[in-house]
Amino acid sequence: MTQWEKESDMRGFAKNGSHLNAMKNNKNIAREIRTITIETDKLPTWKEAKLLLSSGKALKY
């Protein structure tokens, strides 16, 4: 779970460097990756995050 002040910063991180390299290897370490983006002033608890992810975008390998 991460928190960003600007969506553009989050997208810049996701599309470059170590994160991009890791994402290219997803299929070697996972059967499914789920993501969700929400706007909030407070991070959800891990329990809340799990519930939110159930409706998130799923990438299946």
PDB file of N, CA and C in Angstrom:
ATOM      1  N   MET A   1       0.855  -1.158   0.000  1.00  0.00           N
ATOM      2  CA  MET A   1       0.000   0.000   0.000  1.00  0.00           C
ATOM      3  C   MET A   1       0.905   1.226   0.000  1.00  0.00           C
ATOM      4  N   THR A   2       0.569   2.162  -0.848  1.00  0.00           N
ATOM      5  CA  THR A   2       1.323   3.412  -0.892  1.00  0.00           C
ATOM      6  C   THR A   2       0.352   4.586  -0.869  1.00  0.00           C
ATOM      7  N   GLN A   3       0.876   5.742  -0.535  1.00  0.00           N
ATOM      8  CA  GLN A   3       0.072   6.963  -0.521  1.00  0.00           C
ATOM      9  C   GLN A   3       0.845   8.044  -1.253  1.00  0.00           C
ATOM     10  N   TRP A   4       0.179   8.717  -2.174  1.00  0.00           N
ATOM     11  CA  TRP A   4       0.805   9.761  -2.980  1.00  0.00           C
ATOM     12  C   TRP A   4      -0.013  11.029  -2.874  1.00  0.00           C
ATOM     13  N   GLU A   5       0.662  12.156  -2.900  1.00  0.00           N
ATOM     14  CA  GLU A   5      -0.061  13.437  -2.900  1.00  0.00           C
ATOM     15  C   GLU A   5      -0.554  13.786  -4.294  1.00  0.00           C
ATOM     16  N   LYS A   6       0.201  13.396  -5.318  1.00  0.00           N
ATOM     17  CA  LYS A   6      -0.173  13.705  -6.696  1.00  0.00           C
ATOM     18  C   LYS A   6      -0.244  12.421  -7.518  1.00  0.00           C
ATOM     19  N   GLU A   7      -1.332  12.282  -8.260  1.00  0.00           N
ATOM     20  CA  GLU A   7      -1.485  11.101  -9.113  1.00  0.00           C
ATOM     21  C   GLU A   7      -0.369  11.034 -10.147  1.00  0.00           C
ATOM     22  N   SER A   8       0.083  12.183 -10.631  1.00  0.00           N
ATOM     23  CA  SER A   8       1.150  12.197 -11.629  1.00  0.00           C
ATOM     24  C   SER A   8       2.453  11.611 -11.060  1.00  0.00           C
ATOM     25  N   ASP A   9       2.719  11.854  -9.780  1.00  0.00           N
ATOM     26  CA  ASP A   9       3.903  11.266  -9.142  1.00  0.00           C
ATOM     27  C   ASP A   9       3.775   9.747  -9.055  1.00  0.00           C
ATOM     28  N   MET A  10       2.589   9.268  -8.695  1.00  0.00           N
ATOM     29  CA  MET A  10       2.353   7.832  -8.602  1.00  0.00           C
ATOM     30  C   MET A  10       2.550   7.173  -9.968  1.00  0.00           C
ATOM     31  N   ARG A  11       1.982   7.766 -10.985  1.00  0.00           N
ATOM     32  CA  ARG A  11       2.102   7.191 -12.330  1.00  0.00           C
ATOM     33  C   ARG A  11       3.551   7.239 -12.821  1.00  0.00           C
ATOM     34  N   GLY A  12       4.265   8.293 -12.501  1.00  0.00           N
ATOM     35  CA  GLY A  12       5.675   8.383 -12.868  1.00  0.00           C
ATOM     36  C   GLY A  12       6.496   7.287 -12.208  1.00  0.00           C
ATOM     37  N   PHE A  13       6.225   7.017 -10.941  1.00  0.00           N
ATOM     38  CA  PHE A  13       6.907   5.943 -10.227  1.00  0.00           C
ATOM     39  C   PHE A  13       6.578   4.587 -10.843  1.00  0.00           C
ATOM     40  N   ALA A  14       5.307   4.362 -11.142  1.00  0.00           N
ATOM     41  CA  ALA A  14       4.865   3.068 -11.661  1.00  0.00           C
ATOM     42  C   ALA A  14       5.450   2.748 -13.036  1.00  0.00           C
ATOM     43  N   LYS A  15       5.737   3.763 -13.817  1.00  0.00           N
ATOM     44  CA  LYS A  15       6.169   3.541 -15.201  1.00  0.00           C
ATOM     45  C   LYS A  15       7.667   3.667 -15.405  1.00  0.00           C
ATOM     46  N   ASN A  16       8.448   3.668 -14.315  1.00  0.00           N
ATOM     47  CA  ASN A  16       9.897   3.848 -14.442  1.00  0.00           C
ATOM     48  C   ASN A  16      10.664   3.000 -13.431  1.00  0.00           C
ATOM     49  N   GLY A  17      11.944   2.886 -13.665  1.00  0.00           N
ATOM     50  CA  GLY A  17      12.889   2.334 -12.701  1.00  0.00           C
ATOM     51  C   GLY A  17      12.587   0.956 -12.172  1.00  0.00           C
ATOM     52  N   SER A  18      12.858   0.779 -10.899  1.00  0.00           N
ATOM     53  CA  SER A  18      12.731  -0.521 -10.247  1.00  0.00           C
ATOM     54  C   SER A  18      11.305  -1.051 -10.283  1.00  0.00           C
ATOM     55  N   HIS A  19      10.330  -0.177 -10.109  1.00  0.00           N
ATOM     56  CA  HIS A  19       8.938  -0.642 -10.136  1.00  0.00           C
ATOM     57  C   HIS A  19       8.588  -1.197 -11.506  1.00  0.00           C
ATOM     58  N   LEU A  20       8.966  -0.517 -12.550  1.00  0.00           N
ATOM     59  CA  LEU A  20       8.693  -0.997 -13.903  1.00  0.00           C
ATOM     60  C   LEU A  20       9.367  -2.348 -14.137  1.00  0.00           C
ATOM     61  N   ASN A  21      10.605  -2.492 -13.718  1.00  0.00           N
ATOM     62  CA  ASN A  21      11.306  -3.768 -13.877  1.00  0.00           C
ATOM     63  C   ASN A  21      10.601  -4.883 -13.112  1.00  0.00           C
ATOM     64  N   ALA A  22      10.155  -4.590 -11.903  1.00  0.00           N
ATOM     65  CA  ALA A  22       9.433  -5.588 -11.108  1.00  0.00           C
ATOM     66  C   ALA A  22       8.123  -5.979 -11.792  1.00  0.00           C
ATOM     67  N   MET A  23       7.409  -5.005 -12.323  1.00  0.00           N
ATOM     68  CA  MET A  23       6.141  -5.297 -12.985  1.00  0.00           C
ATOM     69  C   MET A  23       6.327  -6.177 -14.216  1.00  0.00           C
ATOM     70  N   LYS A  24       7.449  -6.032 -14.887  1.00  0.00           N
ATOM     71  CA  LYS A  24       7.730  -6.870 -16.058  1.00  0.00           C
ATOM     72  C   LYS A  24       7.931  -8.333 -15.662  1.00  0.00           C
ATOM     73  N   ASN A  25       8.267  -8.589 -14.388  1.00  0.00           N
ATOM     74  CA  ASN A  25       8.489  -9.952 -13.908  1.00  0.00           C
ATOM     75  C   ASN A  25       7.302 -10.501 -13.117  1.00  0.00           C
ATOM     76  N   ASN A  26       6.184  -9.807 -13.088  1.00  0.00           N
ATOM     77  CA  ASN A  26       5.012 -10.262 -12.331  1.00  0.00           C
ATOM     78  C   ASN A  26       4.634 -11.693 -12.629  1.00  0.00           C
ATOM     79  N   LYS A  27       4.587 -12.035 -13.904  1.00  0.00           N
ATOM     80  CA  LYS A  27       4.105 -13.361 -14.275  1.00  0.00           C
ATOM     81  C   LYS A  27       5.008 -14.467 -13.754  1.00  0.00           C
ATOM     82  N   ASN A  28       6.237 -14.134 -13.376  1.00  0.00           N
ATOM     83  CA  ASN A  28       7.146 -15.132 -12.820  1.00  0.00           C
ATOM     84  C   ASN A  28       6.952 -15.342 -11.323  1.00  0.00           C
ATOM     85  N   ILE A  29       6.260 -14.417 -10.670  1.00  0.00           N
ATOM     86  CA  ILE A  29       6.120 -14.526  -9.212  1.00  0.00           C
ATOM     87  C   ILE A  29       4.666 -14.526  -8.731  1.00  0.00           C
ATOM     88  N   ALA A  30       3.717 -14.284  -9.629  1.00  0.00           N
ATOM     89  CA  ALA A  30       2.322 -14.211  -9.193  1.00  0.00           C
ATOM     90  C   ALA A  30       1.380 -14.737 -10.276  1.00  0.00           C
ATOM     91  N   ARG A  31       0.239 -15.227  -9.843  1.00  0.00           N
ATOM     92  CA  ARG A  31      -0.801 -15.642 -10.782  1.00  0.00           C
ATOM     93  C   ARG A  31      -1.777 -14.512 -11.045  1.00  0.00           C
ATOM     94  N   GLU A  32      -1.828 -13.562 -10.099  1.00  0.00           N
ATOM     95  CA  GLU A  32      -2.759 -12.450 -10.224  1.00  0.00           C
ATOM     96  C   GLU A  32      -2.225 -11.261  -9.441  1.00  0.00           C
ATOM     97  N   ILE A  33      -2.389 -10.085 -10.011  1.00  0.00           N
ATOM     98  CA  ILE A  33      -2.048  -8.827  -9.358  1.00  0.00           C
ATOM     99  C   ILE A  33      -3.311  -7.972  -9.374  1.00  0.00           C
ATOM    100  N   ARG A  34      -3.639  -7.382  -8.240  1.00  0.00           N
ATOM    101  CA  ARG A  34      -4.805  -6.492  -8.170  1.00  0.00           C
ATOM    102  C   ARG A  34      -4.353  -5.102  -7.756  1.00  0.00           C
ATOM    103  N   THR A  35      -4.968  -4.107  -8.365  1.00  0.00           N
ATOM    104  CA  THR A  35      -4.668  -2.724  -8.007  1.00  0.00           C
ATOM    105  C   THR A  35      -5.969  -1.935  -7.860  1.00  0.00           C
ATOM    106  N   ILE A  36      -5.897  -0.909  -7.063  1.00  0.00           N
ATOM    107  CA  ILE A  36      -7.020   0.008  -6.925  1.00  0.00           C
ATOM    108  C   ILE A  36      -6.445   1.371  -6.544  1.00  0.00           C
ATOM    109  N   THR A  37      -7.040   2.411  -7.045  1.00  0.00           N
ATOM    110  CA  THR A  37      -6.637   3.766  -6.702  1.00  0.00           C
ATOM    111  C   THR A  37      -7.836   4.461  -6.077  1.00  0.00           C
ATOM    112  N   ILE A  38      -7.630   5.040  -4.912  1.00  0.00           N
ATOM    113  CA  ILE A  38      -8.706   5.768  -4.240  1.00  0.00           C
ATOM    114  C   ILE A  38      -8.187   7.141  -3.824  1.00  0.00           C
ATOM    115  N   GLU A  39      -9.094   8.079  -3.716  1.00  0.00           N
ATOM    116  CA  GLU A  39      -8.733   9.400  -3.191  1.00  0.00           C
ATOM    117  C   GLU A  39      -9.237   9.485  -1.767  1.00  0.00           C
ATOM    118  N   THR A  40      -8.325   9.739  -0.836  1.00  0.00           N
ATOM    119  CA  THR A  40      -8.679   9.818   0.576  1.00  0.00           C
ATOM    120  C   THR A  40      -7.606  10.589   1.332  1.00  0.00           C
ATOM    121  N   ASP A  41      -7.975  11.136   2.459  1.00  0.00           N
ATOM    122  CA  ASP A  41      -7.002  11.818   3.307  1.00  0.00           C
ATOM    123  C   ASP A  41      -6.338  10.865   4.286  1.00  0.00           C
ATOM    124  N   LYS A  42      -6.898   9.664   4.428  1.00  0.00           N
ATOM    125  CA  LYS A  42      -6.405   8.692   5.393  1.00  0.00           C
ATOM    126  C   LYS A  42      -6.337   7.314   4.745  1.00  0.00           C
ATOM    127  N   LEU A  43      -5.210   6.641   4.898  1.00  0.00           N
ATOM    128  CA  LEU A  43      -5.085   5.293   4.356  1.00  0.00           C
ATOM    129  C   LEU A  43      -6.077   4.351   5.026  1.00  0.00           C
ATOM    130  N   PRO A  44      -6.639   3.417   4.266  1.00  0.00           N
ATOM    131  CA  PRO A  44      -7.517   2.433   4.894  1.00  0.00           C
ATOM    132  C   PRO A  44      -6.694   1.460   5.743  1.00  0.00           C
ATOM    133  N   THR A  45      -7.366   0.763   6.647  1.00  0.00           N
ATOM    134  CA  THR A  45      -6.682  -0.297   7.378  1.00  0.00           C
ATOM    135  C   THR A  45      -6.390  -1.418   6.382  1.00  0.00           C
ATOM    136  N   TRP A  46      -5.539  -2.359   6.776  1.00  0.00           N
ATOM    137  CA  TRP A  46      -5.257  -3.489   5.879  1.00  0.00           C
ATOM    138  C   TRP A  46      -6.531  -4.290   5.613  1.00  0.00           C
ATOM    139  N   LYS A  47      -7.380  -4.425   6.611  1.00  0.00           N
ATOM    140  CA  LYS A  47      -8.642  -5.152   6.435  1.00  0.00           C
ATOM    141  C   LYS A  47      -9.530  -4.430   5.418  1.00  0.00           C
ATOM    142  N   GLU A  48      -9.639  -3.117   5.544  1.00  0.00           N
ATOM    143  CA  GLU A  48     -10.430  -2.327   4.585  1.00  0.00           C
ATOM    144  C   GLU A  48      -9.817  -2.408   3.188  1.00  0.00           C
ATOM    145  N   ALA A  49      -8.490  -2.371   3.124  1.00  0.00           N
ATOM    146  CA  ALA A  49      -7.813  -2.441   1.829  1.00  0.00           C
ATOM    147  C   ALA A  49      -8.106  -3.761   1.128  1.00  0.00           C
ATOM    148  N   LYS A  50      -8.117  -4.862   1.882  1.00  0.00           N
ATOM    149  CA  LYS A  50      -8.450  -6.166   1.292  1.00  0.00           C
ATOM    150  C   LYS A  50      -9.843  -6.151   0.676  1.00  0.00           C
ATOM    151  N   LEU A  51     -10.796  -5.554   1.374  1.00  0.00           N
ATOM    152  CA  LEU A  51     -12.153  -5.460   0.843  1.00  0.00           C
ATOM    153  C   LEU A  51     -12.189  -4.599  -0.416  1.00  0.00           C
ATOM    154  N   LEU A  52     -11.475  -3.483  -0.403  1.00  0.00           N
ATOM    155  CA  LEU A  52     -11.436  -2.605  -1.570  1.00  0.00           C
ATOM    156  C   LEU A  52     -10.810  -3.326  -2.774  1.00  0.00           C
ATOM    157  N   LEU A  53      -9.780  -4.115  -2.527  1.00  0.00           N
ATOM    158  CA  LEU A  53      -9.105  -4.819  -3.620  1.00  0.00           C
ATOM    159  C   LEU A  53      -9.989  -5.870  -4.288  1.00  0.00           C
ATOM    160  N   SER A  54     -10.980  -6.368  -3.569  1.00  0.00           N
ATOM    161  CA  SER A  54     -11.857  -7.382  -4.164  1.00  0.00           C
ATOM    162  C   SER A  54     -12.581  -6.847  -5.394  1.00  0.00           C
ATOM    163  N   SER A  55     -12.724  -5.533  -5.492  1.00  0.00           N
ATOM    164  CA  SER A  55     -13.356  -4.937  -6.670  1.00  0.00           C
ATOM    165  C   SER A  55     -12.348  -4.222  -7.564  1.00  0.00           C
ATOM    166  N   GLY A  56     -11.067  -4.393  -7.268  1.00  0.00           N
ATOM    167  CA  GLY A  56     -10.020  -3.713  -8.029  1.00  0.00           C
ATOM    168  C   GLY A  56      -9.734  -4.358  -9.368  1.00  0.00           C
ATOM    169  N   LYS A  57      -8.926  -3.715 -10.140  1.00  0.00           N
ATOM    170  CA  LYS A  57      -8.498  -4.211 -11.446  1.00  0.00           C
ATOM    171  C   LYS A  57      -7.593  -5.426 -11.228  1.00  0.00           C
ATOM    172  N   ALA A  58      -7.929  -6.523 -11.887  1.00  0.00           N
ATOM    173  CA  ALA A  58      -7.136  -7.750 -11.743  1.00  0.00           C
ATOM    174  C   ALA A  58      -6.380  -8.042 -13.031  1.00  0.00           C
ATOM    175  N   LEU A  59      -5.077  -8.269 -12.885  1.00  0.00           N
ATOM    176  CA  LEU A  59      -4.260  -8.724 -14.006  1.00  0.00           C
ATOM    177  C   LEU A  59      -3.926 -10.182 -13.733  1.00  0.00           C
ATOM    178  N   LYS A  60      -4.374 -11.087 -14.615  1.00  0.00           N
ATOM    179  CA  LYS A  60      -4.154 -12.514 -14.404  1.00  0.00           C
ATOM    180  C   LYS A  60      -3.142 -13.038 -15.404  1.00  0.00           C
ATOM    181  N   TYR A  61      -2.289 -13.941 -14.917  1.00  0.00           N
ATOM    182  CA  TYR A  61      -1.230 -14.503 -15.753  1.00  0.00           C
ATOM    183  C   TYR A  61      -1.463 -15.975 -15.958  1.00  0.00           C
TER     184      TYR A  61
END
